[in-house]
Protein backbone atom coordinates (compact mmCIF):
# COMPACT_ATOMS: atom_id res chain seq x y z
CA MET A 1 115.50 -43.90 12.56
CA SER A 2 113.05 -43.76 15.42
CA PHE A 3 109.35 -44.25 14.78
CA SER A 4 106.51 -42.43 16.48
CA LEU A 5 104.55 -44.63 18.84
CA ASP A 6 100.77 -45.02 18.75
CA VAL A 7 99.53 -47.29 21.54
CA TRP A 8 95.89 -48.05 20.93
CA GLN A 9 93.49 -47.65 23.84
CA ALA A 10 92.78 -51.39 23.87
CA ALA A 11 96.52 -52.07 24.26
CA GLU A 12 96.76 -49.49 27.06
CA ASP A 13 93.87 -51.29 28.78
CA ASP A 14 95.67 -54.63 28.35
CA ILE A 15 98.80 -53.18 29.96
CA ALA A 16 96.88 -51.61 32.84
CA ASP A 17 94.94 -54.84 33.51
CA ALA A 18 98.11 -56.95 33.56
CA ALA A 19 99.94 -54.45 35.78
CA ALA A 20 97.01 -54.44 38.22
CA TRP A 21 96.98 -58.24 38.28
CA TYR A 22 100.71 -58.37 39.05
CA ALA A 23 100.40 -55.60 41.65
CA GLY A 24 97.76 -57.72 43.38
CA ARG A 25 100.28 -60.54 43.68
CA SER A 26 103.10 -58.36 44.96
CA GLY A 27 103.22 -54.58 45.31
CA ASN A 28 106.29 -54.04 43.16
CA LEU A 29 105.54 -56.64 40.48
CA GLY A 30 103.05 -54.31 38.82
CA THR A 31 105.68 -51.59 38.61
CA GLN A 32 108.25 -54.06 37.31
CA PHE A 33 105.80 -55.15 34.61
CA LEU A 34 105.28 -51.52 33.53
CA ASP A 35 109.05 -50.99 33.43
CA VAL A 36 109.50 -54.01 31.16
CA VAL A 37 106.69 -52.81 28.89
CA ALA A 38 108.32 -49.37 28.65
CA GLN A 39 111.68 -50.97 27.76
CA SER A 40 110.06 -53.12 25.09
CA LEU A 41 108.19 -50.17 23.61
CA SER A 42 111.48 -48.28 23.41
CA HIS A 43 113.10 -51.17 21.51
CA VAL A 44 110.12 -51.44 19.18
CA ARG A 45 110.26 -47.71 18.37
CA VAL A 46 113.92 -47.89 17.39
CA GLY A 47 113.90 -51.15 15.44
CA PRO A 48 110.48 -52.63 14.73
CA GLU A 49 111.86 -54.74 11.87
CA ALA A 50 113.95 -56.70 14.38
CA PHE A 51 110.80 -58.41 15.64
CA PRO A 52 109.19 -61.30 13.78
CA ALA A 53 106.01 -60.94 11.78
CA VAL A 54 103.45 -63.34 13.25
CA HIS A 55 100.25 -62.54 11.35
CA GLY A 56 100.31 -60.60 8.11
CA LYS A 57 102.01 -57.29 8.89
CA VAL A 58 101.63 -57.69 12.68
CA ARG A 59 104.87 -58.23 14.59
CA ARG A 60 105.44 -59.54 18.11
CA ALA A 61 107.83 -58.33 20.79
CA LEU A 62 108.09 -60.78 23.69
CA LEU A 63 108.52 -59.17 27.09
CA THR A 64 111.38 -60.24 29.31
CA ARG A 65 110.51 -61.79 32.70
CA PHE A 66 106.78 -61.87 31.96
CA PRO A 67 104.80 -64.20 29.68
CA TYR A 68 103.38 -61.31 27.65
CA ALA A 69 103.96 -59.88 24.20
CA LEU A 70 103.34 -56.61 22.44
CA PHE A 71 101.62 -56.93 19.07
CA PHE A 72 102.18 -54.08 16.64
CA PHE A 73 102.50 -53.06 13.01
CA VAL A 74 104.39 -50.33 11.21
CA ASP A 75 102.31 -47.77 9.34
CA ASP A 76 104.41 -45.11 7.57
CA ASP A 77 106.43 -43.46 10.37
CA PHE A 78 104.31 -44.91 13.16
CA VAL A 79 104.51 -48.08 15.21
CA ARG A 80 100.92 -48.90 16.12
CA VAL A 81 100.62 -51.16 19.18
CA VAL A 82 97.33 -53.05 19.03
CA ALA A 83 97.67 -55.37 22.03
CA CYS A 84 99.70 -56.52 25.01
CA MET A 85 98.60 -60.04 25.80
CA HIS A 86 99.61 -63.13 27.68
CA VAL A 87 101.28 -65.45 25.20
CA ARG A 88 98.87 -68.28 26.07
CA ARG A 89 95.75 -66.23 25.25
CA ASP A 90 93.73 -66.96 22.14
CA PRO A 91 95.44 -64.98 19.33
CA VAL A 92 92.08 -64.23 17.72
CA ARG A 93 91.62 -61.48 20.30
CA TRP A 94 94.55 -59.37 19.05
CA GLN A 95 94.15 -60.47 15.44
CA LYS A 96 90.69 -58.86 15.32
CA ARG A 97 92.21 -55.56 16.44
CA ALA A 98 94.80 -55.63 13.69
CA ARG A 99 92.32 -55.80 10.83
């Protein structure tokens, strides 16, 4: 079963900010970051239960190559992505979104 994907605007902003930061370091790093995010979102859509719950019903998908994670929850037939954050950031920031 594949779930529909609902990426919240705040999560889209997180992704865009991180991609811009990486692009500023090296032209193709921003694109590589976006590719890894797209891969992770694809995996989350197909099997969200494969990722560990980290706060109530919120699950975390760690990105490969980058110290970021997608935070999401399953709501009926939707995977709702609430954040994409650096793993060293204060978790309160994404936890507030998930309420």
